[in-house]
C-alpha atoms as a PDB file:
ATOM      1  CA  ALA A   1      22.045  17.108   4.932  1.00  0.00           C
ATOM      2  CA  CYS A   2      18.588  17.303   6.683  1.00  0.00           C
ATOM      3  CA  THR A   3      18.341  21.126   5.730  1.00  0.00           C
ATOM      4  CA  ASN A   4      19.393  20.285   2.148  1.00  0.00           C
ATOM      5  CA  LEU A   5      16.815  17.481   1.844  1.00  0.00           C
ATOM      6  CA  GLY A   6      14.046  19.735   3.417  1.00  0.00           C
ATOM      7  CA  TYR A   7      14.759  22.364   0.812  1.00  0.00           C
ATOM      8  CA  MET A   8      14.268  19.803  -1.986  1.00  0.00           C
ATOM      9  CA  TYR A   9      10.959  18.862  -0.729  1.00  0.00           C
ATOM     10  CA  ASP A  10      10.308  22.660   0.054  1.00  0.00           C
ATOM     11  CA  THR A  11      10.782  23.613  -3.479  1.00  0.00           C
ATOM     12  CA  GLY A  12       9.991  20.359  -5.541  1.00  0.00           C
ATOM     13  CA  ASP A  13      13.711  20.148  -6.817  1.00  0.00           C
ATOM     14  CA  GLY A  14      14.082  16.342  -7.763  1.00  0.00           C
ATOM     15  CA  VAL A  15      11.127  15.265  -5.784  1.00  0.00           C
ATOM     16  CA  ALA A  16       7.371  15.950  -5.324  1.00  0.00           C
ATOM     17  CA  LYS A  17       6.804  19.248  -3.574  1.00  0.00           C
ATOM     18  CA  ASP A  18       6.005  18.250   0.135  1.00  0.00           C
ATOM     19  CA  PHE A  19       5.679  21.011   2.746  1.00  0.00           C
ATOM     20  CA  VAL A  20       4.998  18.433   5.644  1.00  0.00           C
ATOM     21  CA  LYS A  21       8.249  16.550   4.989  1.00  0.00           C
ATOM     22  CA  ALA A  22      10.229  19.736   4.377  1.00  0.00           C
ATOM     23  CA  SER A  23       9.207  21.144   7.781  1.00  0.00           C
ATOM     24  CA  ALA A  24       9.663  17.966   9.579  1.00  0.00           C
ATOM     25  CA  LEU A  25      13.490  17.822   8.000  1.00  0.00           C
ATOM     26  CA  TYR A  26      13.983  21.397   8.900  1.00  0.00           C
ATOM     27  CA  LYS A  27      12.889  20.786  12.485  1.00  0.00           C
ATOM     28  CA  LYS A  28      15.232  17.971  12.697  1.00  0.00           C
ATOM     29  CA  ALA A  29      18.079  20.123  11.189  1.00  0.00           C
ATOM     30  CA  CYS A  30      17.384  23.003  13.621  1.00  0.00           C
ATOM     31  CA  ASN A  31      17.506  20.601  16.568  1.00  0.00           C
ATOM     32  CA  PHE A  32      20.809  19.314  15.221  1.00  0.00           C
ATOM     33  CA  GLY A  33      21.969  22.900  15.218  1.00  0.00           C
ATOM     34  CA  SER A  34      21.672  24.005  11.733  1.00  0.00           C
ATOM     35  CA  TYR A  35      20.969  27.725  11.635  1.00  0.00           C
ATOM     36  CA  THR A  36      19.714  27.632   7.993  1.00  0.00           C
ATOM     37  CA  GLY A  37      17.248  24.731   9.095  1.00  0.00           C
ATOM     38  CA  CYS A  38      16.084  26.883  11.890  1.00  0.00           C
ATOM     39  CA  GLY A  39      15.593  29.878   9.509  1.00  0.00           C
ATOM     40  CA  ASN A  40      13.805  27.970   6.904  1.00  0.00           C
ATOM     41  CA  LEU A  41      11.430  26.462   9.676  1.00  0.00           C
ATOM     42  CA  GLY A  42      10.703  29.899  10.899  1.00  0.00           C
ATOM     43  CA  PHE A  43       9.412  31.006   7.453  1.00  0.00           C
ATOM     44  CA  MET A  44       7.207  28.003   7.384  1.00  0.00           C
ATOM     45  CA  TYR A  45       5.643  28.807  10.823  1.00  0.00           C
ATOM     46  CA  GLU A  46       5.015  32.297   9.408  1.00  0.00           C
ATOM     47  CA  THR A  47       3.251  31.235   6.172  1.00  0.00           C
ATOM     48  CA  GLY A  48       1.707  27.928   7.521  1.00  0.00           C
ATOM     49  CA  ASP A  49       3.393  25.832   4.908  1.00  0.00           C
ATOM     50  CA  GLY A  50       3.670  22.127   6.263  1.00  0.00           C
ATOM     51  CA  VAL A  51       2.924  23.207   9.887  1.00  0.00           C
ATOM     52  CA  PRO A  52       0.100  25.218  11.608  1.00  0.00           C
ATOM     53  CA  LYS A  53       0.750  28.763  11.272  1.00  0.00           C
ATOM     54  CA  ASN A  54       2.126  30.228  14.374  1.00  0.00           C
ATOM     55  CA  LEU A  55       3.662  33.657  14.477  1.00  0.00           C
ATOM     56  CA  LYS A  56       4.877  33.411  18.018  1.00  0.00           C
ATOM     57  CA  LYS A  57       6.817  30.156  16.947  1.00  0.00           C
ATOM     58  CA  ALA A  58       7.993  31.788  13.868  1.00  0.00           C
ATOM     59  CA  GLN A  59       9.562  34.878  15.696  1.00  0.00           C
ATOM     60  CA  GLN A  60      11.075  32.299  18.285  1.00  0.00           C
ATOM     61  CA  THR A  61      12.597  30.377  15.489  1.00  0.00           C
ATOM     62  CA  PHE A  62      14.033  33.194  13.744  1.00  0.00           C
ATOM     63  CA  ARG A  63      15.416  34.373  17.050  1.00  0.00           C
ATOM     64  CA  LYS A  64      17.266  30.955  17.474  1.00  0.00           C
ATOM     65  CA  ALA A  65      18.576  31.088  13.761  1.00  0.00           C
ATOM     66  CA  CYS A  66      19.661  34.710  14.206  1.00  0.00           C
ATOM     67  CA  LYS A  67      21.540  33.994  17.320  1.00  0.00           C
ATOM     68  CA  LYS A  68      23.445  31.243  15.477  1.00  0.00           C
ATOM     69  CA  GLY A  69      24.299  33.476  12.714  1.00  0.00           C
ATOM     70  CA  HIS A  70      21.759  33.223   9.994  1.00  0.00           C
ATOM     71  CA  GLY A  71      21.706  36.443   8.378  1.00  0.00           C
ATOM     72  CA  ARG A  72      18.275  36.209   6.614  1.00  0.00           C
ATOM     73  CA  SER A  73      16.443  35.373   9.953  1.00  0.00           C
ATOM     74  CA  CYS A  74      18.252  38.568  11.622  1.00  0.00           C
ATOM     75  CA  ASN A  75      16.898  40.522   8.726  1.00  0.00           C
ATOM     76  CA  LYS A  76      13.488  39.143   8.981  1.00  0.00           C
ATOM     77  CA  LEU A  77      13.256  40.136  12.625  1.00  0.00           C
ATOM     78  CA  GLY A  78      14.339  43.484  11.732  1.00  0.00           C
ATOM     79  CA  LEU A  79      11.387  43.734   9.238  1.00  0.00           C
ATOM     80  CA  MET A  80       9.032  42.355  11.688  1.00  0.00           C
ATOM     81  CA  PHE A  81       9.891  45.070  14.350  1.00  0.00           C
ATOM     82  CA  GLU A  82      10.134  47.841  11.847  1.00  0.00           C
ATOM     83  CA  ARG A  83       6.713  47.154  10.142  1.00  0.00           C
ATOM     84  CA  GLY A  84       4.955  45.448  12.894  1.00  0.00           C
ATOM     85  CA  GLU A  85       4.736  42.064  10.886  1.00  0.00           C
ATOM     86  CA  SER A  86       4.085  38.545  12.128  1.00  0.00           C
ATOM     87  CA  GLY A  87       2.594  39.757  15.455  1.00  0.00           C
ATOM     88  CA  ALA A  88       5.600  41.852  16.648  1.00  0.00           C
ATOM     89  CA  PRO A  89       4.809  45.297  17.552  1.00  0.00           C
ATOM     90  CA  LYS A  90       6.572  48.050  15.773  1.00  0.00           C
ATOM     91  CA  GLN A  91       9.774  48.737  17.736  1.00  0.00           C
ATOM     92  CA  PRO A  92      12.255  50.658  15.305  1.00  0.00           C
ATOM     93  CA  LYS A  93      15.402  50.390  17.770  1.00  0.00           C
ATOM     94  CA  LYS A  94      14.883  46.573  17.707  1.00  0.00           C
ATOM     95  CA  ALA A  95      14.766  46.756  14.015  1.00  0.00           C
ATOM     96  CA  VAL A  96      17.927  48.561  13.827  1.00  0.00           C
ATOM     97  CA  LYS A  97      19.589  46.047  16.150  1.00  0.00           C
ATOM     98  CA  PHE A  98      18.582  43.109  13.966  1.00  0.00           C
ATOM     99  CA  TYR A  99      19.437  44.891  10.666  1.00  0.00           C
ATOM    100  CA  LYS A 100      22.877  45.595  12.085  1.00  0.00           C
ATOM    101  CA  LYS A 101      23.427  41.911  13.159  1.00  0.00           C
ATOM    102  CA  ALA A 102      22.492  40.835   9.820  1.00  0.00           C
ATOM    103  CA  CYS A 103      24.749  43.360   7.940  1.00  0.00           C
ATOM    104  CA  ASP A 104      27.661  42.421  10.390  1.00  0.00           C
ATOM    105  CA  ILE A 105      27.380  38.814   9.388  1.00  0.00           C
ATOM    106  CA  ASP A 106      27.557  39.967   5.763  1.00  0.00           C
ATOM    107  CA  TYR A 107      23.816  39.568   4.757  1.00  0.00           C
ATOM    108  CA  GLY A 108      23.447  42.204   2.060  1.00  0.00           C
ATOM    109  CA  ARG A 109      19.761  42.712   2.504  1.00  0.00           C
ATOM    110  CA  GLY A 110      20.406  43.646   6.199  1.00  0.00           C
ATOM    111  CA  CYS A 111      22.843  46.208   5.172  1.00  0.00           C
ATOM    112  CA  SER A 112      20.374  47.639   2.487  1.00  0.00           C
ATOM    113  CA  ASN A 113      17.564  47.783   5.181  1.00  0.00           C
ATOM    114  CA  LEU A 114      19.897  49.379   7.608  1.00  0.00           C
ATOM    115  CA  GLY A 115      20.748  51.994   5.011  1.00  0.00           C
ATOM    116  CA  VAL A 116      17.103  52.771   4.438  1.00  0.00           C
ATOM    117  CA  VAL A 117      16.497  53.476   8.192  1.00  0.00           C
ATOM    118  CA  TYR A 118      19.534  55.602   8.586  1.00  0.00           C
ATOM    119  CA  ARG A 119      18.476  57.519   5.466  1.00  0.00           C
ATOM    120  CA  LYS A 120      15.009  57.962   6.945  1.00  0.00           C
ATOM    121  CA  GLY A 121      15.842  58.347  10.621  1.00  0.00           C
ATOM    122  CA  ILE A 122      13.739  55.357  11.788  1.00  0.00           C
ATOM    123  CA  GLY A 123      14.885  54.179  15.176  1.00  0.00           C
ATOM    124  CA  VAL A 124      18.310  56.050  14.684  1.00  0.00           C
ATOM    125  CA  PRO A 125      19.219  59.782  13.980  1.00  0.00           C
ATOM    126  CA  LYS A 126      18.932  60.551  10.299  1.00  0.00           C
ATOM    127  CA  ASN A 127      22.389  59.987   8.431  1.00  0.00           C
ATOM    128  CA  THR A 128      22.276  60.055   4.763  1.00  0.00           C
ATOM    129  CA  THR A 129      25.831  59.512   4.392  1.00  0.00           C
ATOM    130  CA  LYS A 130      25.830  56.368   6.559  1.00  0.00           C
ATOM    131  CA  GLY A 131      22.881  55.279   4.668  1.00  0.00           C
ATOM    132  CA  ARG A 132      24.640  55.588   1.343  1.00  0.00           C
ATOM    133  CA  LYS A 133      27.734  53.706   2.605  1.00  0.00           C
ATOM    134  CA  LEU A 134      25.308  50.797   3.800  1.00  0.00           C
ATOM    135  CA  TYR A 135      23.956  50.658   0.223  1.00  0.00           C
ATOM    136  CA  GLU A 136      27.492  50.411  -1.147  1.00  0.00           C
ATOM    137  CA  ARG A 137      28.249  47.622   1.259  1.00  0.00           C
ATOM    138  CA  ALA A 138      24.982  45.865   0.390  1.00  0.00           C
ATOM    139  CA  CYS A 139      25.760  46.144  -3.283  1.00  0.00           C
ATOM    140  CA  ASP A 140      29.338  44.942  -2.795  1.00  0.00           C
ATOM    141  CA  LEU A 141      27.585  41.824  -1.163  1.00  0.00           C
ATOM    142  CA  ARG A 142      25.658  41.247  -4.281  1.00  0.00           C
ATOM    143  CA  ASP A 143      22.372  42.396  -2.759  1.00  0.00           C
ATOM    144  CA  ALA A 144      20.009  43.468  -5.724  1.00  0.00           C
ATOM    145  CA  THR A 145      17.996  46.043  -3.705  1.00  0.00           C
ATOM    146  CA  GLY A 146      21.296  47.749  -2.248  1.00  0.00           C
ATOM    147  CA  CYS A 147      22.497  48.124  -5.906  1.00  0.00           C
ATOM    148  CA  ASN A 148      19.126  49.596  -6.913  1.00  0.00           C
ATOM    149  CA  ASN A 149      18.964  51.856  -3.998  1.00  0.00           C
ATOM    150  CA  LEU A 150      22.292  53.300  -4.617  1.00  0.00           C
ATOM    151  CA  GLY A 151      21.628  53.595  -8.357  1.00  0.00           C
ATOM    152  CA  THR A 152      18.718  55.804  -7.482  1.00  0.00           C
ATOM    153  CA  LEU A 153      20.672  58.089  -5.419  1.00  0.00           C
ATOM    154  CA  PHE A 154      23.022  58.735  -8.446  1.00  0.00           C
ATOM    155  CA  ASP A 155      20.149  58.887 -10.677  1.00  0.00           C
ATOM    156  CA  LYS A 156      18.437  61.681  -8.674  1.00  0.00           C
ATOM    157  CA  GLY A 157      21.417  63.456  -7.355  1.00  0.00           C
ATOM    158  CA  ASP A 158      20.210  62.527  -3.860  1.00  0.00           C
ATOM    159  CA  SER A 159      23.117  63.354  -1.258  1.00  0.00           C
ATOM    160  CA  VAL A 160      25.594  62.568  -4.077  1.00  0.00           C
ATOM    161  CA  GLU A 161      26.570  64.348  -7.201  1.00  0.00           C
ATOM    162  CA  ARG A 162      24.239  63.304 -10.110  1.00  0.00           C
ATOM    163  CA  ASP A 163      25.800  60.820 -12.320  1.00  0.00           C
ATOM    164  CA  TYR A 164      23.672  58.943 -14.875  1.00  0.00           C
ATOM    165  CA  ALA A 165      26.392  56.616 -15.962  1.00  0.00           C
ATOM    166  CA  MET A 166      26.997  55.462 -12.569  1.00  0.00           C
ATOM    167  CA  ALA A 167      23.383  55.067 -11.979  1.00  0.00           C
ATOM    168  CA  ALA A 168      23.055  52.915 -15.158  1.00  0.00           C
ATOM    169  CA  LYS A 169      26.074  50.721 -14.091  1.00  0.00           C
ATOM    170  CA  LEU A 170      24.306  50.134 -10.686  1.00  0.00           C
ATOM    171  CA  TYR A 171      20.983  49.381 -12.021  1.00  0.00           C
ATOM    172  CA  ARG A 172      22.574  46.837 -14.395  1.00  0.00           C
ATOM    173  CA  LYS A 173      24.052  45.217 -11.344  1.00  0.00           C
ATOM    174  CA  ALA A 174      20.767  45.222  -9.421  1.00  0.00           C
ATOM    175  CA  CYS A 175      19.036  43.740 -12.734  1.00  0.00           C
ATOM    176  CA  LEU A 176      21.799  41.064 -12.861  1.00  0.00           C
ATOM    177  CA  TYR A 177      21.324  40.086  -9.219  1.00  0.00           C
ATOM    178  CA  GLY A 178      17.621  39.807  -9.573  1.00  0.00           C
ATOM    179  CA  SER A 179      15.842  43.231  -8.788  1.00  0.00           C
ATOM    180  CA  TYR A 180      13.065  43.636 -11.228  1.00  0.00           C
ATOM    181  CA  VAL A 181      12.948  47.321 -10.375  1.00  0.00           C
ATOM    182  CA  GLY A 182      16.645  47.636 -11.323  1.00  0.00           C
ATOM    183  CA  CYS A 183      15.801  46.159 -14.696  1.00  0.00           C
ATOM    184  CA  SER A 184      12.905  48.511 -15.165  1.00  0.00           C
ATOM    185  CA  ASN A 185      15.103  51.464 -14.077  1.00  0.00           C
ATOM    186  CA  LEU A 186      17.744  50.524 -16.602  1.00  0.00           C
ATOM    187  CA  GLY A 187      15.126  50.135 -19.367  1.00  0.00           C
ATOM    188  CA  MET A 188      13.976  53.669 -18.797  1.00  0.00           C
ATOM    189  CA  MET A 189      17.488  54.870 -18.939  1.00  0.00           C
ATOM    190  CA  TYR A 190      17.983  53.345 -22.308  1.00  0.00           C
ATOM    191  CA  HIS A 191      14.485  54.803 -23.328  1.00  0.00           C
ATOM    192  CA  ALA A 192      15.754  58.309 -22.369  1.00  0.00           C
ATOM    193  CA  GLY A 193      19.366  57.969 -23.222  1.00  0.00           C
ATOM    194  CA  ASP A 194      20.316  58.897 -19.679  1.00  0.00           C
ATOM    195  CA  GLY A 195      23.848  57.472 -18.950  1.00  0.00           C
ATOM    196  CA  VAL A 196      23.659  55.119 -21.871  1.00  0.00           C
ATOM    197  CA  ALA A 197      23.114  55.594 -25.508  1.00  0.00           C
ATOM    198  CA  LYS A 198      19.613  55.823 -26.326  1.00  0.00           C
ATOM    199  CA  ASP A 199      18.489  52.365 -27.627  1.00  0.00           C
ATOM    200  CA  PHE A 200      14.894  51.312 -27.871  1.00  0.00           C
ATOM    201  CA  ALA A 201      15.649  47.590 -28.258  1.00  0.00           C
ATOM    202  CA  GLN A 202      17.748  47.539 -25.030  1.00  0.00           C
ATOM    203  CA  ALA A 203      14.982  49.607 -23.431  1.00  0.00           C
ATOM    204  CA  LYS A 204      12.434  47.053 -24.406  1.00  0.00           C
ATOM    205  CA  HIS A 205      14.636  44.101 -23.381  1.00  0.00           C
ATOM    206  CA  TYR A 206      15.153  45.418 -19.809  1.00  0.00           C
ATOM    207  CA  LEU A 207      11.561  46.629 -19.372  1.00  0.00           C
END
């Protein structure tokens, strides 16, 4: 309840937006054991919304949330260690560890990011097949980026047989799940007539 109320103040859903109230409610929720409350509080520490910006506290709070099973926080820790974000030094092996944890608890973006590091060989031996399978899992979990990444493989014939129809199907899923890149890619396929019938009206719609 504290987390949900905090989210309403965080987003201005039904009440005036108030980051200070939202952060206080997330903190209360986190203290009561809500992993979502902890995770949301971590993002507020990172951005400085409602609380003084504190990257060290953000990382500590994400760790607490991840430990409790909050996939988004595990994935965020992976990004921090892969890219050196939020004051964390680049540590690719730690990034892999947190992406894997996120994926293991069915957070689709974690699977997608884990797929990227396997395909590029960041912190792990390069394995394009494993990367593709992780994109498949991410897409099955309705992660827009995972669907778009998988679509790109079929579009380009990258480590799979080129299949424009499959690419279009995956781009459509990505677009439906919220990927603007997926919408753009599908629009370009309608414009070119790759995998779908050439249709400028549809191209314009998706673009």
